[in-house]
Protein backbone atom coordinates (compact mmCIF):
# COMPACT_ATOMS: atom_id res chain seq x y z
CA MET A 1 -0.12 0.24 0.53
CA SER A 2 1.49 2.95 -1.17
CA ALA A 3 1.74 6.39 1.62
CA VAL A 4 -0.76 8.23 0.06
CA GLN A 5 -3.30 5.76 0.33
CA GLN A 6 -1.99 4.52 4.01
CA THR A 7 -2.78 8.26 4.60
CA VAL A 8 -6.24 7.91 2.43
CA LEU A 9 -7.53 4.92 4.93
CA ALA A 10 -6.23 6.99 7.56
CA ALA A 11 -8.35 10.08 7.11
CA ASN A 12 -10.90 7.15 6.29
CA GLU A 13 -10.83 5.73 9.22
CA ALA A 14 -11.31 8.51 10.99
CA SER A 15 -14.08 10.06 8.93
CA GLU A 16 -15.88 6.68 9.91
CA HIS A 17 -15.15 7.49 13.97
CA ARG A 18 -15.60 10.77 14.11
CA PRO A 19 -18.74 11.40 16.55
CA LEU A 20 -16.54 9.52 18.90
CA ILE A 21 -13.48 11.51 18.27
CA ILE A 22 -14.97 14.86 18.56
CA THR A 23 -17.37 13.20 21.89
CA LEU A 24 -13.68 12.69 23.41
CA PHE A 25 -12.51 15.94 22.36
CA ALA A 26 -15.61 17.45 24.17
CA LEU A 27 -15.38 15.38 27.39
CA PHE A 28 -11.25 16.82 27.75
CA VAL A 29 -12.31 20.78 27.13
CA LEU A 30 -15.45 20.38 29.42
CA ALA A 31 -13.51 19.11 31.89
CA THR A 32 -10.72 21.13 32.02
CA LEU A 33 -13.52 24.10 31.61
CA GLY A 34 -14.60 22.77 35.14
CA ILE A 35 -11.79 22.68 37.10
CA THR A 36 -11.50 26.33 35.91
CA ILE A 37 -14.67 27.90 37.02
CA TRP A 38 -14.06 25.77 40.49
CA ALA A 39 -10.86 27.30 40.97
CA GLY A 40 -12.19 30.78 39.14
CA ARG A 41 -14.63 31.09 42.77
CA GLN A 42 -12.12 30.26 44.42
CA THR A 43 -9.73 32.91 43.41
CA LYS A 44 -10.77 36.22 45.87
CA ASP A 45 -7.59 38.99 45.31
CA ALA A 46 -4.33 39.47 43.26
CA ALA A 47 -2.28 36.96 45.31
CA ASP A 48 -5.02 33.94 44.27
CA PHE A 49 -5.00 35.10 40.28
CA TYR A 50 -1.13 35.73 40.14
CA ALA A 51 0.48 33.05 42.15
CA GLY A 52 -2.62 30.73 43.77
CA GLY A 53 -2.22 32.04 47.13
CA ARG A 54 0.62 30.09 47.39
CA GLN A 55 -0.85 27.15 48.45
CA PHE A 56 0.49 24.43 45.71
CA SER A 57 2.60 21.98 48.10
CA ALA A 58 6.03 21.10 46.22
CA PHE A 59 5.50 17.90 44.47
CA GLN A 60 1.86 19.79 43.35
CA ASN A 61 3.96 22.77 42.01
CA GLY A 62 6.40 20.43 40.19
CA LEU A 63 3.35 18.56 38.59
CA ALA A 64 1.85 21.75 37.57
CA VAL A 65 5.37 23.02 36.53
CA SER A 66 6.59 19.25 34.06
CA GLY A 67 2.29 19.97 32.91
CA ASP A 68 4.30 23.84 31.49
CA TYR A 69 6.63 22.59 30.08
CA MET A 70 6.07 19.21 28.05
CA SER A 71 4.04 21.19 25.82
CA ALA A 72 2.53 20.51 22.00
CA ALA A 73 6.76 20.48 21.02
CA SER A 74 7.63 17.99 23.19
CA PHE A 75 4.45 15.36 22.39
CA LEU A 76 4.00 16.59 18.68
CA GLY A 77 7.54 18.60 17.35
CA ILE A 78 10.27 15.87 19.29
CA ALA A 79 7.94 13.09 18.15
CA GLY A 80 8.05 14.61 14.53
CA ALA A 81 11.62 15.47 14.66
CA ILE A 82 12.61 12.27 15.52
CA ALA A 83 10.32 9.87 13.16
CA ILE A 84 12.15 12.63 10.43
CA PHE A 85 15.91 12.95 11.03
CA GLY A 86 16.38 10.16 14.19
CA TYR A 87 19.51 10.65 16.48
CA ASP A 88 19.38 15.45 15.41
CA GLY A 89 15.47 14.76 16.46
CA PHE A 90 16.41 13.44 19.80
CA LEU A 91 19.00 16.28 20.15
CA TYR A 92 15.44 18.59 21.24
CA SER A 93 14.61 16.19 24.33
CA ILE A 94 18.23 16.26 25.30
CA GLY A 95 18.76 20.09 25.41
CA PHE A 96 15.02 20.32 26.99
CA LEU A 97 15.61 18.16 30.15
CA VAL A 98 19.21 19.40 30.42
CA ALA A 99 18.23 22.89 30.71
CA TRP A 100 16.16 22.44 34.26
CA LEU A 101 19.65 21.61 35.43
CA VAL A 102 20.51 25.25 35.13
CA ALA A 103 17.12 26.38 36.52
CA LEU A 104 17.46 24.52 39.61
CA LEU A 105 21.26 25.78 40.21
CA LEU A 106 20.53 29.30 39.54
CA VAL A 107 17.07 30.33 39.30
CA ALA A 108 14.57 28.68 41.02
CA GLU A 109 15.00 29.42 45.07
CA PRO A 110 16.47 33.00 44.42
CA LEU A 111 14.00 34.05 42.15
CA ARG A 112 11.32 32.41 44.50
CA ASN A 113 12.76 34.62 47.34
CA SER A 114 13.61 37.75 45.53
CA GLY A 115 10.35 38.34 44.06
CA ARG A 116 6.01 38.24 44.82
CA TYR A 117 5.07 37.54 40.99
CA THR A 118 7.11 38.49 38.43
CA MET A 119 10.79 38.65 37.27
CA GLY A 120 10.02 42.53 37.35
CA ASP A 121 9.71 42.07 40.70
CA VAL A 122 13.80 40.92 41.55
CA LEU A 123 14.79 42.91 38.63
CA ALA A 124 12.75 46.62 40.27
CA TYR A 125 14.06 45.71 43.66
CA ARG A 126 17.54 47.43 43.80
CA MET A 127 16.73 49.74 40.18
CA ARG A 128 14.53 52.42 38.63
CA GLN A 129 11.34 51.39 39.24
CA ARG A 130 9.69 52.71 36.08
CA PRO A 131 11.95 51.46 33.42
CA VAL A 132 13.00 48.48 34.47
CA ARG A 133 9.55 46.65 35.05
CA THR A 134 8.44 48.36 31.29
CA ALA A 135 11.69 46.25 29.72
CA ALA A 136 10.76 43.64 32.04
CA GLY A 137 7.16 43.49 31.04
CA THR A 138 8.20 44.26 27.27
CA SER A 139 10.49 40.88 27.55
CA THR A 140 7.62 38.69 29.08
CA ILE A 141 5.23 39.35 26.77
CA VAL A 142 6.97 39.02 23.54
CA VAL A 143 9.10 35.76 24.40
CA SER A 144 5.19 34.18 25.49
CA ILE A 145 3.71 34.80 22.00
CA PHE A 146 7.10 33.16 20.53
CA TYR A 147 6.24 30.27 22.59
CA LEU A 148 2.31 30.38 22.06
CA LEU A 149 3.18 29.99 18.17
CA ALA A 150 4.05 26.71 18.62
CA GLN A 151 1.17 25.95 20.74
CA MET A 152 -1.22 27.37 18.18
CA ALA A 153 0.49 25.75 15.04
CA GLY A 154 -0.11 22.54 16.84
CA ALA A 155 -3.22 23.02 17.79
CA GLY A 156 -4.29 23.99 13.77
CA VAL A 157 -2.36 20.61 12.89
CA LEU A 158 -4.13 17.97 15.21
CA VAL A 159 -7.55 18.72 15.11
CA SER A 160 -6.94 19.22 10.99
CA LEU A 161 -5.47 15.30 11.14
CA LEU A 162 -8.96 14.56 13.11
CA LEU A 163 -11.45 16.42 11.47
CA GLY A 164 -10.28 15.38 8.08
CA ILE A 165 -9.96 19.64 7.85
CA THR A 166 -7.71 20.16 4.66
CA SER A 167 -8.58 24.09 3.73
CA ASP A 168 -6.40 27.07 5.09
CA ALA A 169 -9.51 28.78 6.45
CA GLY A 170 -10.66 25.84 8.19
CA LYS A 171 -7.14 25.66 10.26
CA ILE A 172 -6.75 29.24 10.85
CA LEU A 173 -11.09 29.12 12.45
CA ILE A 174 -9.31 26.44 14.78
CA VAL A 175 -6.10 28.13 15.53
CA ALA A 176 -9.01 30.76 16.51
CA LEU A 177 -11.47 28.60 18.93
CA VAL A 178 -7.65 27.33 20.90
CA GLY A 179 -7.44 30.97 21.54
CA ILE A 180 -10.35 31.98 22.38
CA LEU A 181 -10.17 28.67 24.79
CA MET A 182 -6.98 29.91 26.21
CA ILE A 183 -8.31 33.69 27.08
CA VAL A 184 -11.31 32.17 28.89
CA TYR A 185 -9.16 29.71 31.12
CA VAL A 186 -7.02 32.79 32.10
CA SER A 187 -9.92 34.97 32.44
CA ILE A 188 -12.34 32.82 34.53
CA GLY A 189 -9.61 30.55 36.43
CA GLY A 190 -6.42 32.65 37.00
CA MET A 191 -2.96 30.85 38.57
CA LYS A 192 -5.41 28.49 40.67
CA GLY A 193 -7.34 27.21 37.66
CA THR A 194 -4.49 27.59 35.09
CA THR A 195 -2.29 25.44 37.98
CA TRP A 196 -4.88 22.80 38.74
CA VAL A 197 -5.53 22.35 34.42
CA GLN A 198 -1.45 21.94 34.02
CA MET A 199 -1.50 19.12 36.77
CA VAL A 200 -4.39 17.08 34.98
CA LYS A 201 -3.29 17.41 32.02
CA ALA A 202 0.48 16.35 32.71
CA VAL A 203 -1.22 13.32 34.51
CA LEU A 204 -2.76 12.50 31.40
CA LEU A 205 0.01 13.23 29.09
CA ILE A 206 2.54 10.81 30.82
CA GLY A 207 -0.51 8.33 31.07
CA GLY A 208 -0.93 8.50 27.24
CA THR A 209 2.93 8.51 26.56
CA LEU A 210 3.33 5.47 28.53
CA LEU A 211 0.70 3.45 26.91
CA ILE A 212 2.29 4.40 23.88
CA THR A 213 5.73 3.35 24.44
CA PHE A 214 4.31 0.18 25.91
CA LEU A 215 2.69 -0.92 22.71
CA VAL A 216 5.81 -0.05 20.75
CA LEU A 217 8.15 -2.21 22.68
CA LEU A 218 5.22 -4.88 23.01
CA LYS A 219 5.36 -4.66 19.60
CA PHE A 220 9.11 -5.01 19.57
CA ASN A 221 9.16 -7.36 21.87
CA PHE A 222 11.09 -5.00 24.45
CA ASN A 223 13.91 -5.14 22.46
CA ILE A 224 15.39 -1.29 22.01
CA SER A 225 17.64 -2.70 19.56
CA ASP A 226 15.52 -4.51 17.24
CA LEU A 227 12.95 -1.02 17.46
CA LEU A 228 16.29 1.40 16.65
CA GLY A 229 16.92 -1.15 13.57
CA THR A 230 13.88 -1.37 12.25
CA ALA A 231 13.56 2.96 12.62
CA ALA A 232 16.80 3.07 10.83
CA GLU A 233 15.44 0.56 7.58
CA ASN A 234 12.13 2.02 7.42
CA SER A 235 13.79 5.54 7.24
CA GLY A 236 15.09 4.46 4.50
CA LYS A 237 18.49 5.64 5.55
CA GLY A 238 19.68 2.68 6.87
CA ALA A 239 22.64 3.33 9.60
CA ALA A 240 22.82 7.38 9.25
CA PHE A 241 19.59 7.63 10.67
CA LEU A 242 20.64 6.60 14.30
CA GLU A 243 24.08 8.95 13.90
CA PRO A 244 24.53 12.52 14.34
CA GLY A 245 24.44 14.70 11.06
CA LEU A 246 21.37 13.99 9.23
CA GLN A 247 19.50 17.34 10.01
CA TYR A 248 22.81 19.81 11.46
CA GLY A 249 26.34 18.76 10.47
CA ALA A 250 26.33 18.32 6.47
CA THR A 251 28.00 21.62 6.10
CA GLY A 252 29.25 24.35 8.40
CA THR A 253 26.65 26.59 8.51
CA SER A 254 24.29 23.66 9.45
CA LYS A 255 26.79 22.75 12.85
CA LEU A 256 26.49 26.24 13.64
CA ASP A 257 22.98 25.83 14.03
CA PHE A 258 22.98 23.11 15.67
CA ILE A 259 25.27 24.63 18.53
CA SER A 260 23.16 28.24 18.40
CA LEU A 261 19.81 25.31 19.34
CA GLY A 262 22.16 23.67 21.89
CA ILE A 263 22.79 26.87 23.52
CA ALA A 264 19.47 28.07 23.28
CA LEU A 265 17.51 25.05 24.55
CA VAL A 266 20.21 24.65 28.18
CA LEU A 267 20.08 28.44 28.83
CA GLY A 268 16.06 29.19 27.52
CA THR A 269 14.25 27.22 30.49
CA ALA A 270 16.14 29.46 33.39
CA GLY A 271 14.34 32.87 31.46
CA LEU A 272 10.98 31.13 30.51
CA PRO A 273 8.32 33.93 32.24
CA HIS A 274 5.37 31.26 32.11
CA ILE A 275 8.33 28.89 34.27
CA LEU A 276 9.38 31.83 36.37
CA ILE A 277 5.84 32.82 37.92
CA ARG A 278 5.50 28.60 39.01
CA PHE A 279 7.78 29.05 41.68
CA TYR A 280 5.54 31.99 43.11
CA THR A 281 3.07 29.76 43.63
CA VAL A 282 4.78 27.43 46.84
CA PRO A 283 4.81 28.27 50.23
CA ASP A 284 8.73 28.77 50.39
CA ALA A 285 12.12 28.59 49.17
CA LYS A 286 12.64 24.70 50.11
CA ALA A 287 9.64 24.22 48.10
CA ALA A 288 10.57 25.60 45.55
CA ARG A 289 13.80 23.73 45.13
CA LYS A 290 12.02 20.93 45.70
CA SER A 291 9.24 21.24 42.97
CA VAL A 292 11.88 21.98 40.46
CA ASN A 293 13.12 17.94 41.62
CA TRP A 294 9.56 16.61 41.20
CA ALA A 295 9.24 18.66 37.38
CA ILE A 296 12.89 16.68 36.20
CA GLY A 297 12.11 13.46 37.22
CA ILE A 298 8.60 13.33 35.73
CA ILE A 299 10.42 15.73 32.68
CA GLY A 300 13.03 13.16 32.79
CA GLY A 301 11.19 10.02 32.38
CA PHE A 302 8.79 11.77 29.80
CA TYR A 303 11.67 12.54 27.46
CA LEU A 304 13.26 9.36 27.85
CA MET A 305 9.87 8.06 26.12
CA THR A 306 10.09 10.35 23.29
CA ILE A 307 12.28 7.57 22.14
CA ALA A 308 9.59 5.47 21.48
CA LEU A 309 7.43 7.80 20.37
CA GLY A 310 9.62 9.51 18.00
CA PHE A 311 11.83 5.91 16.77
CA GLY A 312 8.03 4.37 16.87
CA ALA A 313 6.58 6.31 14.42
CA ALA A 314 9.80 6.13 11.73
CA ALA A 315 9.53 2.11 12.23
CA LEU A 316 6.06 1.14 11.70
CA ILE A 317 4.88 5.03 9.05
CA SER A 318 6.51 5.53 6.24
CA GLN A 319 8.66 8.47 5.82
CA GLU A 320 6.04 9.53 3.15
CA GLU A 321 3.18 9.21 5.04
CA ILE A 322 4.27 10.86 8.08
CA ILE A 323 5.60 13.89 5.70
CA ALA A 324 2.19 13.77 3.29
CA SER A 325 0.50 14.07 6.56
CA ASN A 326 2.48 16.94 8.13
CA PRO A 327 5.54 18.23 6.36
CA SER A 328 6.83 18.88 9.77
CA GLY A 329 5.92 15.93 11.12
CA ASN A 330 3.89 17.08 13.94
CA THR A 331 1.15 14.54 13.52
CA ALA A 332 3.85 11.49 13.87
CA ALA A 333 2.52 10.90 17.36
CA PRO A 334 -1.18 10.48 16.45
CA LEU A 335 -0.48 8.71 13.45
CA LEU A 336 1.04 6.20 15.53
CA ALA A 337 -0.98 5.50 17.96
CA LEU A 338 -3.80 5.01 14.88
CA HIS A 339 -1.61 2.75 13.46
CA LEU A 340 -0.87 1.09 16.99
CA GLY A 341 -4.41 0.39 16.78
CA GLY A 342 -5.38 -0.69 13.25
CA VAL A 343 -5.42 1.89 10.46
CA ASP A 344 -8.70 0.33 10.26
CA SER A 345 -10.18 -0.99 13.76
CA THR A 346 -12.16 1.12 16.03
CA TRP A 347 -9.61 0.72 18.17
CA GLY A 348 -7.34 2.56 16.13
CA ALA A 349 -9.65 5.04 16.40
CA ILE A 350 -10.60 5.02 19.84
CA LEU A 351 -6.61 5.24 20.63
CA LEU A 352 -6.11 8.19 17.98
CA ALA A 353 -8.48 10.04 19.59
CA THR A 354 -7.70 9.62 22.82
CA ILE A 355 -3.90 10.44 22.49
CA SER A 356 -5.12 13.42 20.63
CA ALA A 357 -7.73 15.07 23.04
CA VAL A 358 -4.74 14.32 25.40
CA ALA A 359 -2.34 16.10 23.25
CA PHE A 360 -4.82 18.76 22.74
CA ALA A 361 -5.92 19.54 26.42
CA THR A 362 -1.46 19.68 26.68
CA ILE A 363 -1.88 22.40 24.58
CA LEU A 364 -4.61 24.38 25.81
CA ALA A 365 -3.21 24.45 29.33
CA VAL A 366 0.34 25.45 28.01
CA VAL A 367 -1.45 28.38 26.15
CA ALA A 368 -3.03 28.80 29.34
CA GLY A 369 0.20 29.22 31.67
CA LEU A 370 1.95 31.40 28.82
CA THR A 371 -0.84 34.10 28.62
CA LEU A 372 -1.46 33.82 32.31
CA ALA A 373 2.67 35.09 32.47
CA SER A 374 2.12 37.90 29.59
CA SER A 375 -0.90 38.99 30.88
CA SER A 376 0.06 39.43 34.78
CA SER A 377 3.27 41.12 33.80
CA PHE A 378 1.41 43.96 32.16
CA ALA A 379 -1.25 43.64 34.58
CA HIS A 380 1.22 44.04 37.89
CA ASP A 381 4.82 46.03 35.97
CA ILE A 382 3.56 48.15 33.37
CA TYR A 383 -0.13 49.00 34.54
CA ALA A 384 0.01 48.92 38.17
CA ASN A 385 3.62 50.06 38.97
CA VAL A 386 4.39 52.07 35.36
CA ILE A 387 1.29 53.52 35.09
CA ARG A 388 -0.83 53.57 37.94
CA LYS A 389 2.88 54.26 39.74
CA GLY A 390 1.51 52.53 42.35
CA LYS A 391 -1.68 52.70 42.98
CA ALA A 392 -3.41 50.76 42.26
CA SER A 393 -5.65 48.08 43.81
CA GLY A 394 -5.58 44.44 43.60
CA ALA A 395 -8.69 44.36 42.19
CA GLU A 396 -8.34 47.02 39.44
CA GLU A 397 -4.87 44.85 38.46
CA VAL A 398 -6.50 41.91 37.71
CA ARG A 399 -8.95 43.52 36.12
CA ALA A 400 -6.03 44.68 33.87
CA ALA A 401 -4.68 40.93 33.72
CA ARG A 402 -7.52 40.10 32.04
CA TRP A 403 -8.06 42.94 29.45
CA ALA A 404 -4.62 41.94 28.51
CA THR A 405 -5.65 38.23 28.23
CA VAL A 406 -7.82 39.06 25.46
CA PHE A 407 -5.39 41.46 23.80
CA ILE A 408 -2.59 38.92 23.73
CA GLY A 409 -5.00 36.03 22.17
CA VAL A 410 -5.77 37.69 19.21
CA ILE A 411 -2.13 39.02 18.89
CA SER A 412 -1.47 34.72 19.03
CA ILE A 413 -4.44 33.82 16.58
CA GLY A 414 -3.48 36.19 14.43
CA LEU A 415 0.86 34.56 14.64
CA GLY A 416 -0.51 31.37 14.66
CA ALA A 417 -2.58 31.32 11.82
CA LEU A 418 0.47 32.08 9.70
CA ALA A 419 3.47 29.58 11.66
CA ARG A 420 0.30 26.67 11.64
CA ASP A 421 2.32 24.81 8.76
CA LEU A 422 5.93 25.07 10.85
CA ASN A 423 7.33 22.47 13.00
CA VAL A 424 6.87 23.57 16.68
CA ALA A 425 9.93 22.10 18.41
CA GLY A 426 11.68 24.50 16.41
CA LEU A 427 9.39 27.13 16.96
CA VAL A 428 9.77 26.64 20.90
CA ALA A 429 13.19 26.58 20.43
CA LEU A 430 13.58 29.95 18.99
CA ALA A 431 10.87 31.32 22.43
CA PHE A 432 13.91 29.82 24.36
CA ALA A 433 16.31 31.80 22.62
CA VAL A 434 14.61 34.74 22.87
CA ALA A 435 14.20 34.73 26.79
CA ALA A 436 17.94 32.94 27.10
CA SER A 437 19.06 36.25 25.18
CA ALA A 438 17.01 38.89 27.34
CA ASN A 439 15.77 37.66 30.24
CA LEU A 440 17.96 35.37 31.65
CA PRO A 441 21.16 37.60 31.25
CA THR A 442 19.37 41.04 33.48
CA ILE A 443 18.08 38.12 35.59
CA LEU A 444 21.67 36.48 37.05
CA TYR A 445 23.60 39.71 36.86
CA SER A 446 20.73 41.18 39.30
CA LEU A 447 20.91 38.29 41.68
CA PHE A 448 24.94 37.85 41.91
CA TRP A 449 26.19 41.14 40.65
CA LYS A 450 26.60 43.91 43.34
CA ARG A 451 27.87 46.82 40.29
CA PHE A 452 25.08 46.05 38.17
CA THR A 453 22.31 49.03 37.23
CA THR A 454 19.32 50.18 35.43
CA GLN A 455 21.04 50.94 32.44
CA GLY A 456 22.86 47.48 32.15
CA ALA A 457 19.48 45.79 33.02
CA LEU A 458 17.95 47.85 29.77
CA TRP A 459 20.26 47.54 28.09
CA SER A 460 20.60 43.80 28.50
CA ILE A 461 17.15 43.70 27.89
CA TYR A 462 16.15 45.12 25.28
CA GLY A 463 19.57 44.40 23.38
CA GLY A 464 19.21 40.57 23.90
CA LEU A 465 15.61 41.18 22.53
CA ILE A 466 16.23 43.61 19.62
CA VAL A 467 18.87 41.39 18.28
CA ALA A 468 17.09 37.83 19.14
CA VAL A 469 13.75 38.63 17.61
CA GLY A 470 16.01 40.99 14.52
CA LEU A 471 17.44 37.87 13.32
CA VAL A 472 14.89 35.45 13.60
CA LEU A 473 12.86 37.57 10.83
CA PHE A 474 15.31 37.72 9.22
CA SER A 475 16.32 34.04 9.21
CA PRO A 476 14.88 30.53 7.33
CA VAL A 477 12.36 30.52 9.93
CA VAL A 478 10.39 33.64 8.06
CA SER A 479 11.52 33.26 4.61
CA GLY A 480 13.72 32.08 1.73
CA ASP A 481 13.24 28.55 2.61
CA PRO A 482 10.16 26.04 1.28
CA LYS A 483 9.29 25.56 4.82
CA ALA A 484 9.37 29.21 6.02
CA MET A 485 6.60 31.21 7.50
CA PHE A 486 6.86 33.06 4.03
CA PRO A 487 8.55 30.56 1.28
CA GLU A 488 6.85 32.70 -1.71
CA VAL A 489 9.58 35.72 -0.40
CA ASP A 490 13.26 35.89 0.31
CA PHE A 491 14.61 38.02 2.22
CA ALA A 492 16.87 36.25 4.41
CA TRP A 493 20.18 37.16 5.07
CA PHE A 494 20.90 35.54 8.70
CA PRO A 495 21.71 31.52 7.66
CA LEU A 496 20.80 29.83 10.77
CA LYS A 497 17.30 29.23 12.07
CA ASN A 498 18.30 29.47 15.95
CA PRO A 499 20.29 33.48 16.90
CA GLY A 500 20.71 32.01 19.98
CA ILE A 501 24.88 31.77 19.06
CA ILE A 502 24.84 35.25 18.67
CA SER A 503 22.20 37.10 20.80
CA ILE A 504 22.82 35.13 24.13
CA PRO A 505 26.65 36.66 24.35
CA PHE A 506 25.13 39.63 23.13
CA GLY A 507 22.41 40.29 25.50
CA PHE A 508 25.14 39.03 28.22
CA LEU A 509 27.47 41.55 27.09
CA MET A 510 24.77 44.55 26.56
CA GLY A 511 24.64 43.81 30.38
CA TRP A 512 28.02 43.94 31.33
CA LEU A 513 28.92 47.15 28.91
CA GLY A 514 25.70 49.35 30.21
CA THR A 515 26.65 48.78 33.52
CA VAL A 516 30.53 50.05 33.55
CA LEU A 517 29.42 53.21 31.00
CA SER A 518 26.52 53.97 33.57
CA LYS A 519 27.07 57.00 35.87
CA GLU A 520 25.24 55.75 38.05
CA GLU A 521 26.56 54.70 41.51
CA PRO A 522 24.68 50.71 42.76
CA ASP A 523 23.49 50.68 45.71
CA ALA A 524 24.86 48.71 47.87
CA LYS A 525 22.63 48.04 50.07
CA LYS A 526 20.03 47.52 48.69
CA TYR A 527 22.35 44.49 46.88
CA ALA A 528 23.39 43.60 50.53
CA GLU A 529 19.13 43.49 51.22
CA LEU A 530 18.23 41.80 47.91
CA GLU A 531 21.51 38.89 48.67
CA VAL A 532 19.98 38.30 52.31
CA ARG A 533 16.95 37.83 50.84
CA SER A 534 17.16 35.41 47.82
CA LEU A 535 19.33 33.73 50.21
CA THR A 536 16.88 33.03 52.88
CA GLY A 537 13.55 34.82 51.69
CA THR A 538 13.63 36.75 54.56
CA GLY A 539 11.00 39.60 53.86
CA ALA A 540 10.26 38.78 50.36
CA HIS A 541 6.38 38.04 50.72
């Protein structure tokens, strides 16, 4: 049977069981909406909306952090990248996991101790409030929107596969519906609702991945060597499929692109706004540190299972069918579920619908977390402390956050519609690069460098942000490539698909240069207070 015939058969099978698929989807969405409404009724003030009342345990927050982190990029993008590029695709899993060590060792505990709700709280403690909070809010919103692009693209691809939607208009409508659900989740539930949805979603995702992993290994009698060998043979690339260089390494440019990607993945997590605000939902620094330990364990187990997802898809599905379904491989995991259950069986349709519904719940939960991070930063940093100069009440802040949610949702829908055909793991890697370029240098300098000044913070944030976003705009991700966002035009002069190798050192350099050239005298007393607070948590909240 040819790849086209297999894809048509899969589509017909999905069509026959469409009522079942729609029912499962509806149940997942209604369940998460129910949780959001329940949590929303318990949201009484700004502390509840921003930080869930700081009532979550280390395990609960670790589960929620895992839910926030294991996004569409992890479940759909990495599986697709491995299915198409083998070893080089698995590098995403390694990079995403190693990044947590940076977050654990450098950021989690001192950040939890030093701030209240946002990254801007930490930066503004020893620097001029208004310019630093404006910069922190701007950076948070830009990074969150980059990350949202990946989730929107994943949602469009996933639902299009299940509902048989092939038109661009239909895919754009799906992206819009996800955006509307996202707005509802954040506006009603705040941090409490988002956290509970993240926990439920993490359990579902781990459960679904365990099931697929078990079925893949069962197919190969739990012989991983046999699985990898079959994947290499079926890929049409032979031994090269299991070796470095299929995607990165053929040319000098691709080698640089790999280094750039690796730097962005490893350093990006510690600067992601939606991950950073999770450290404020626990009662103390010890719980923040323990929650990261829980997250590393849960996420590590999940990324090990991506071997079964990606190589299982490569072994059981032809490359032509994977690419025919989606050029970037984003549907490899759902197609694997269908093939494991049987393309022409009810069990196959049930497995496809269940795994796809879990992936959809993953997307909804992550977009809610991202939107909450950016709307909270706008309301708390820009509206309350810059526009209202600290005179806004808690109720006014929450109202501003809800309006910001709508605005950010609309922007994300528009950009997500443009990015619907790009690989979601690659899109998330861009968000990591922007976060590591703008946020991470400023956070580390602020926490650990006594001389750091307001000018250094502004140069670091805006310098890293402008260079990272600018290089992405003029890279093959946006134009000049058949898989670009705008493939019909070519204004790409930056050859790499990830800007991290340039923009991250530039962010650190600008922070240092801005401080050295600043005429501002650092406040030694404020730094001493921040140092005590970051180490002990005394007076933090």
